Protein backbone atom coordinates (compact mmCIF):
# COMPACT_ATOMS: atom_id res chain seq x y z
CA UNK A 1 0.00 0.00 0.00
CA UNK A 2 1.37 3.40 -1.00
CA UNK A 3 2.26 5.69 1.92
CA UNK A 4 1.09 9.31 1.84
CA UNK A 5 3.17 12.30 2.89
CA UNK A 6 2.04 15.89 3.47
CA UNK A 7 4.80 18.38 2.65
CA UNK A 8 4.34 21.69 4.49
CA UNK A 9 6.72 24.48 3.51
CA UNK A 10 6.27 28.08 2.40
CA UNK A 11 8.97 27.61 -0.25
CA UNK A 12 7.35 26.27 -3.44
CA UNK A 13 10.73 25.05 -4.72
CA UNK A 14 11.28 22.92 -1.62
CA UNK A 15 7.75 21.51 -1.89
CA UNK A 16 8.31 20.58 -5.55
CA UNK A 17 11.74 19.07 -4.89
CA UNK A 18 10.47 16.97 -1.98
CA UNK A 19 7.38 15.97 -3.95
CA UNK A 20 9.40 14.66 -6.88
CA UNK A 21 11.94 13.00 -4.62
CA UNK A 22 9.26 11.23 -2.56
CA UNK A 23 7.18 10.23 -5.58
CA UNK A 24 10.27 8.56 -7.05
CA UNK A 25 10.39 6.53 -3.83
CA UNK A 26 6.75 5.45 -4.40
CA UNK A 27 5.18 7.83 -1.88
CA UNK A 28 1.98 9.68 -2.61
CA UNK A 29 2.42 13.37 -1.80
CA UNK A 30 0.28 16.38 -1.03
CA UNK A 31 1.38 19.94 -0.30
CA UNK A 32 0.51 22.88 1.91
CA UNK A 33 2.20 26.27 1.85
CA UNK A 34 1.48 27.27 5.46
CA UNK A 35 0.20 25.97 8.76
CA UNK A 36 -3.43 26.93 8.19
CA UNK A 37 -3.56 25.12 4.87
CA UNK A 38 -1.79 22.15 6.46
CA UNK A 39 -4.41 21.85 9.20
CA UNK A 40 -7.20 21.95 6.61
CA UNK A 41 -5.57 19.06 4.77
CA UNK A 42 -4.83 17.15 7.99
CA UNK A 43 -8.46 17.39 9.10
CA UNK A 44 -9.64 16.20 5.69
CA UNK A 45 -7.28 13.29 5.12
CA UNK A 46 -5.11 10.75 6.87
CA UNK A 47 -1.38 11.02 6.03
CA UNK A 48 1.24 8.50 7.05
CA UNK A 49 3.75 11.29 7.75
CA UNK A 50 4.15 15.05 7.61
CA UNK A 51 7.31 16.90 6.57
CA UNK A 52 6.96 20.22 8.37
CA UNK A 53 8.80 23.53 8.09
CA UNK A 54 8.66 25.66 11.24
CA UNK A 55 8.86 29.29 10.14
CA UNK A 56 6.02 30.18 7.80
CA UNK A 57 2.73 31.98 7.99
CA UNK A 58 -0.08 32.19 8.45
CA UNK A 59 0.18 29.35 10.88
CA UNK A 60 3.69 28.22 11.76
CA UNK A 61 4.95 24.68 12.11
CA UNK A 62 4.79 25.21 15.87
CA UNK A 63 1.07 25.99 15.48
CA UNK A 64 0.58 22.76 13.53
CA UNK A 65 2.35 20.76 16.25
CA UNK A 66 0.17 22.41 18.92
CA UNK A 67 -2.99 21.56 16.97
CA UNK A 68 -1.91 17.95 16.54
CA UNK A 69 -1.40 17.72 20.32
CA UNK A 70 -4.85 19.18 20.98
CA UNK A 71 -6.43 16.76 18.53
CA UNK A 72 -4.46 13.89 20.09
CA UNK A 73 -3.43 13.08 16.56
CA UNK A 74 -0.67 10.50 16.21
CA UNK A 75 0.60 11.43 12.77
CA UNK A 76 4.36 11.18 12.53
CA UNK A 77 6.19 14.47 11.83
CA UNK A 78 9.64 15.09 10.40
CA UNK A 79 10.60 18.70 11.09
CA UNK A 80 12.66 20.17 8.23
CA UNK A 81 13.74 23.73 8.89
CA UNK A 82 16.42 26.33 8.22
CA UNK A 83 15.91 27.70 11.74
CA UNK A 84 18.67 27.64 14.33
CA UNK A 85 19.46 24.39 16.14
CA UNK A 86 17.97 25.92 19.28
CA UNK A 87 14.69 26.73 17.54
CA UNK A 88 14.51 23.31 15.93
CA UNK A 89 14.99 21.65 19.34
CA UNK A 90 11.96 23.63 20.57
CA UNK A 91 9.82 21.72 18.07
CA UNK A 92 8.82 18.88 20.33
CA UNK A 93 5.88 16.78 21.23
CA UNK A 94 4.60 13.27 20.76
CA UNK A 95 4.33 13.68 16.98
CA UNK A 96 7.92 14.77 16.32
CA UNK A 97 9.88 11.80 15.03
CA UNK A 98 12.95 13.63 13.70
CA UNK A 99 14.40 17.11 13.27
CA UNK A 100 16.51 17.90 10.21
CA UNK A 101 18.15 21.22 9.44
CA UNK A 102 18.19 22.75 5.95
CA UNK A 103 20.20 22.39 3.81
CA UNK A 104 19.48 18.69 4.22
CA UNK A 105 21.04 15.44 3.14
CA UNK A 106 18.52 13.73 0.83
CA UNK A 107 19.38 10.19 1.95
CA UNK A 108 19.06 11.16 5.63
CA UNK A 109 15.67 12.74 5.00
CA UNK A 110 14.44 9.70 3.07
CA UNK A 111 15.67 7.38 5.82
CA UNK A 112 13.82 9.41 8.46
CA UNK A 113 10.60 9.51 6.43
CA UNK A 114 10.74 5.78 5.77
CA UNK A 115 11.28 5.08 9.49
CA UNK A 116 8.54 7.53 10.42
CA UNK A 117 6.08 5.72 8.16
CA UNK A 118 6.84 2.40 9.82
CA UNK A 119 6.16 3.61 13.36
C-alpha atoms as a PDB file:
ATOM      1  CA  UNK A   1       0.000   0.000   0.000  1.00  0.00           C
ATOM      2  CA  UNK A   2       1.371   3.405  -1.004  1.00  0.00           C
ATOM      3  CA  UNK A   3       2.258   5.692   1.916  1.00  0.00           C
ATOM      4  CA  UNK A   4       1.089   9.312   1.838  1.00  0.00           C
ATOM      5  CA  UNK A   5       3.167  12.304   2.889  1.00  0.00           C
ATOM      6  CA  UNK A   6       2.038  15.890   3.472  1.00  0.00           C
ATOM      7  CA  UNK A   7       4.796  18.381   2.647  1.00  0.00           C
ATOM      8  CA  UNK A   8       4.338  21.689   4.490  1.00  0.00           C
ATOM      9  CA  UNK A   9       6.720  24.477   3.512  1.00  0.00           C
ATOM     10  CA  UNK A  10       6.275  28.080   2.398  1.00  0.00           C
ATOM     11  CA  UNK A  11       8.974  27.614  -0.251  1.00  0.00           C
ATOM     12  CA  UNK A  12       7.353  26.273  -3.437  1.00  0.00           C
ATOM     13  CA  UNK A  13      10.728  25.048  -4.719  1.00  0.00           C
ATOM     14  CA  UNK A  14      11.284  22.920  -1.625  1.00  0.00           C
ATOM     15  CA  UNK A  15       7.747  21.505  -1.894  1.00  0.00           C
ATOM     16  CA  UNK A  16       8.309  20.584  -5.552  1.00  0.00           C
ATOM     17  CA  UNK A  17      11.741  19.075  -4.888  1.00  0.00           C
ATOM     18  CA  UNK A  18      10.474  16.975  -1.981  1.00  0.00           C
ATOM     19  CA  UNK A  19       7.382  15.970  -3.946  1.00  0.00           C
ATOM     20  CA  UNK A  20       9.405  14.662  -6.883  1.00  0.00           C
ATOM     21  CA  UNK A  21      11.943  12.998  -4.618  1.00  0.00           C
ATOM     22  CA  UNK A  22       9.263  11.226  -2.561  1.00  0.00           C
ATOM     23  CA  UNK A  23       7.176  10.229  -5.577  1.00  0.00           C
ATOM     24  CA  UNK A  24      10.271   8.561  -7.045  1.00  0.00           C
ATOM     25  CA  UNK A  25      10.392   6.526  -3.835  1.00  0.00           C
ATOM     26  CA  UNK A  26       6.749   5.455  -4.399  1.00  0.00           C
ATOM     27  CA  UNK A  27       5.182   7.832  -1.879  1.00  0.00           C
ATOM     28  CA  UNK A  28       1.980   9.679  -2.614  1.00  0.00           C
ATOM     29  CA  UNK A  29       2.425  13.372  -1.801  1.00  0.00           C
ATOM     30  CA  UNK A  30       0.277  16.376  -1.030  1.00  0.00           C
ATOM     31  CA  UNK A  31       1.382  19.936  -0.304  1.00  0.00           C
ATOM     32  CA  UNK A  32       0.511  22.878   1.913  1.00  0.00           C
ATOM     33  CA  UNK A  33       2.202  26.274   1.849  1.00  0.00           C
ATOM     34  CA  UNK A  34       1.478  27.271   5.461  1.00  0.00           C
ATOM     35  CA  UNK A  35       0.198  25.966   8.762  1.00  0.00           C
ATOM     36  CA  UNK A  36      -3.433  26.929   8.195  1.00  0.00           C
ATOM     37  CA  UNK A  37      -3.555  25.125   4.868  1.00  0.00           C
ATOM     38  CA  UNK A  38      -1.790  22.149   6.464  1.00  0.00           C
ATOM     39  CA  UNK A  39      -4.412  21.851   9.202  1.00  0.00           C
ATOM     40  CA  UNK A  40      -7.205  21.951   6.608  1.00  0.00           C
ATOM     41  CA  UNK A  41      -5.573  19.060   4.772  1.00  0.00           C
ATOM     42  CA  UNK A  42      -4.835  17.150   7.990  1.00  0.00           C
ATOM     43  CA  UNK A  43      -8.457  17.395   9.103  1.00  0.00           C
ATOM     44  CA  UNK A  44      -9.644  16.196   5.688  1.00  0.00           C
ATOM     45  CA  UNK A  45      -7.275  13.288   5.115  1.00  0.00           C
ATOM     46  CA  UNK A  46      -5.108  10.748   6.872  1.00  0.00           C
ATOM     47  CA  UNK A  47      -1.385  11.018   6.032  1.00  0.00           C
ATOM     48  CA  UNK A  48       1.244   8.500   7.054  1.00  0.00           C
ATOM     49  CA  UNK A  49       3.747  11.293   7.753  1.00  0.00           C
ATOM     50  CA  UNK A  50       4.148  15.051   7.612  1.00  0.00           C
ATOM     51  CA  UNK A  51       7.311  16.896   6.574  1.00  0.00           C
ATOM     52  CA  UNK A  52       6.964  20.222   8.368  1.00  0.00           C
ATOM     53  CA  UNK A  53       8.796  23.535   8.090  1.00  0.00           C
ATOM     54  CA  UNK A  54       8.663  25.664  11.239  1.00  0.00           C
ATOM     55  CA  UNK A  55       8.865  29.287  10.137  1.00  0.00           C
ATOM     56  CA  UNK A  56       6.019  30.178   7.805  1.00  0.00           C
ATOM     57  CA  UNK A  57       2.734  31.977   7.989  1.00  0.00           C
ATOM     58  CA  UNK A  58      -0.083  32.187   8.447  1.00  0.00           C
ATOM     59  CA  UNK A  59       0.177  29.348  10.877  1.00  0.00           C
ATOM     60  CA  UNK A  60       3.694  28.224  11.758  1.00  0.00           C
ATOM     61  CA  UNK A  61       4.953  24.683  12.107  1.00  0.00           C
ATOM     62  CA  UNK A  62       4.786  25.208  15.866  1.00  0.00           C
ATOM     63  CA  UNK A  63       1.072  25.986  15.478  1.00  0.00           C
ATOM     64  CA  UNK A  64       0.576  22.757  13.527  1.00  0.00           C
ATOM     65  CA  UNK A  65       2.350  20.757  16.248  1.00  0.00           C
ATOM     66  CA  UNK A  66       0.174  22.407  18.919  1.00  0.00           C
ATOM     67  CA  UNK A  67      -2.992  21.563  16.969  1.00  0.00           C
ATOM     68  CA  UNK A  68      -1.906  17.945  16.536  1.00  0.00           C
ATOM     69  CA  UNK A  69      -1.395  17.725  20.320  1.00  0.00           C
ATOM     70  CA  UNK A  70      -4.847  19.182  20.982  1.00  0.00           C
ATOM     71  CA  UNK A  71      -6.434  16.760  18.531  1.00  0.00           C
ATOM     72  CA  UNK A  72      -4.460  13.885  20.092  1.00  0.00           C
ATOM     73  CA  UNK A  73      -3.432  13.082  16.564  1.00  0.00           C
ATOM     74  CA  UNK A  74      -0.665  10.500  16.213  1.00  0.00           C
ATOM     75  CA  UNK A  75       0.600  11.431  12.772  1.00  0.00           C
ATOM     76  CA  UNK A  76       4.359  11.180  12.530  1.00  0.00           C
ATOM     77  CA  UNK A  77       6.187  14.474  11.833  1.00  0.00           C
ATOM     78  CA  UNK A  78       9.636  15.087  10.401  1.00  0.00           C
ATOM     79  CA  UNK A  79      10.603  18.700  11.086  1.00  0.00           C
ATOM     80  CA  UNK A  80      12.661  20.166   8.233  1.00  0.00           C
ATOM     81  CA  UNK A  81      13.743  23.732   8.891  1.00  0.00           C
ATOM     82  CA  UNK A  82      16.420  26.335   8.217  1.00  0.00           C
ATOM     83  CA  UNK A  83      15.911  27.695  11.744  1.00  0.00           C
ATOM     84  CA  UNK A  84      18.672  27.637  14.325  1.00  0.00           C
ATOM     85  CA  UNK A  85      19.464  24.395  16.138  1.00  0.00           C
ATOM     86  CA  UNK A  86      17.973  25.915  19.279  1.00  0.00           C
ATOM     87  CA  UNK A  87      14.692  26.733  17.538  1.00  0.00           C
ATOM     88  CA  UNK A  88      14.505  23.306  15.933  1.00  0.00           C
ATOM     89  CA  UNK A  89      14.991  21.655  19.344  1.00  0.00           C
ATOM     90  CA  UNK A  90      11.960  23.631  20.573  1.00  0.00           C
ATOM     91  CA  UNK A  91       9.823  21.716  18.066  1.00  0.00           C
ATOM     92  CA  UNK A  92       8.821  18.883  20.327  1.00  0.00           C
ATOM     93  CA  UNK A  93       5.885  16.775  21.225  1.00  0.00           C
ATOM     94  CA  UNK A  94       4.602  13.267  20.756  1.00  0.00           C
ATOM     95  CA  UNK A  95       4.332  13.678  16.985  1.00  0.00           C
ATOM     96  CA  UNK A  96       7.918  14.771  16.320  1.00  0.00           C
ATOM     97  CA  UNK A  97       9.878  11.803  15.031  1.00  0.00           C
ATOM     98  CA  UNK A  98      12.945  13.630  13.700  1.00  0.00           C
ATOM     99  CA  UNK A  99      14.404  17.108  13.268  1.00  0.00           C
ATOM    100  CA  UNK A 100      16.513  17.897  10.212  1.00  0.00           C
ATOM    101  CA  UNK A 101      18.146  21.217   9.442  1.00  0.00           C
ATOM    102  CA  UNK A 102      18.191  22.747   5.954  1.00  0.00           C
ATOM    103  CA  UNK A 103      20.197  22.386   3.813  1.00  0.00           C
ATOM    104  CA  UNK A 104      19.483  18.695   4.215  1.00  0.00           C
ATOM    105  CA  UNK A 105      21.038  15.439   3.136  1.00  0.00           C
ATOM    106  CA  UNK A 106      18.524  13.725   0.829  1.00  0.00           C
ATOM    107  CA  UNK A 107      19.376  10.194   1.950  1.00  0.00           C
ATOM    108  CA  UNK A 108      19.063  11.161   5.632  1.00  0.00           C
ATOM    109  CA  UNK A 109      15.668  12.743   4.999  1.00  0.00           C
ATOM    110  CA  UNK A 110      14.435   9.704   3.066  1.00  0.00           C
ATOM    111  CA  UNK A 111      15.665   7.381   5.824  1.00  0.00           C
ATOM    112  CA  UNK A 112      13.819   9.411   8.460  1.00  0.00           C
ATOM    113  CA  UNK A 113      10.602   9.509   6.426  1.00  0.00           C
ATOM    114  CA  UNK A 114      10.740   5.778   5.775  1.00  0.00           C
ATOM    115  CA  UNK A 115      11.283   5.077   9.485  1.00  0.00           C
ATOM    116  CA  UNK A 116       8.543   7.529  10.423  1.00  0.00           C
ATOM    117  CA  UNK A 117       6.080   5.724   8.157  1.00  0.00           C
ATOM    118  CA  UNK A 118       6.845   2.396   9.816  1.00  0.00           C
ATOM    119  CA  UNK A 119       6.156   3.607  13.364  1.00  0.00           C
END
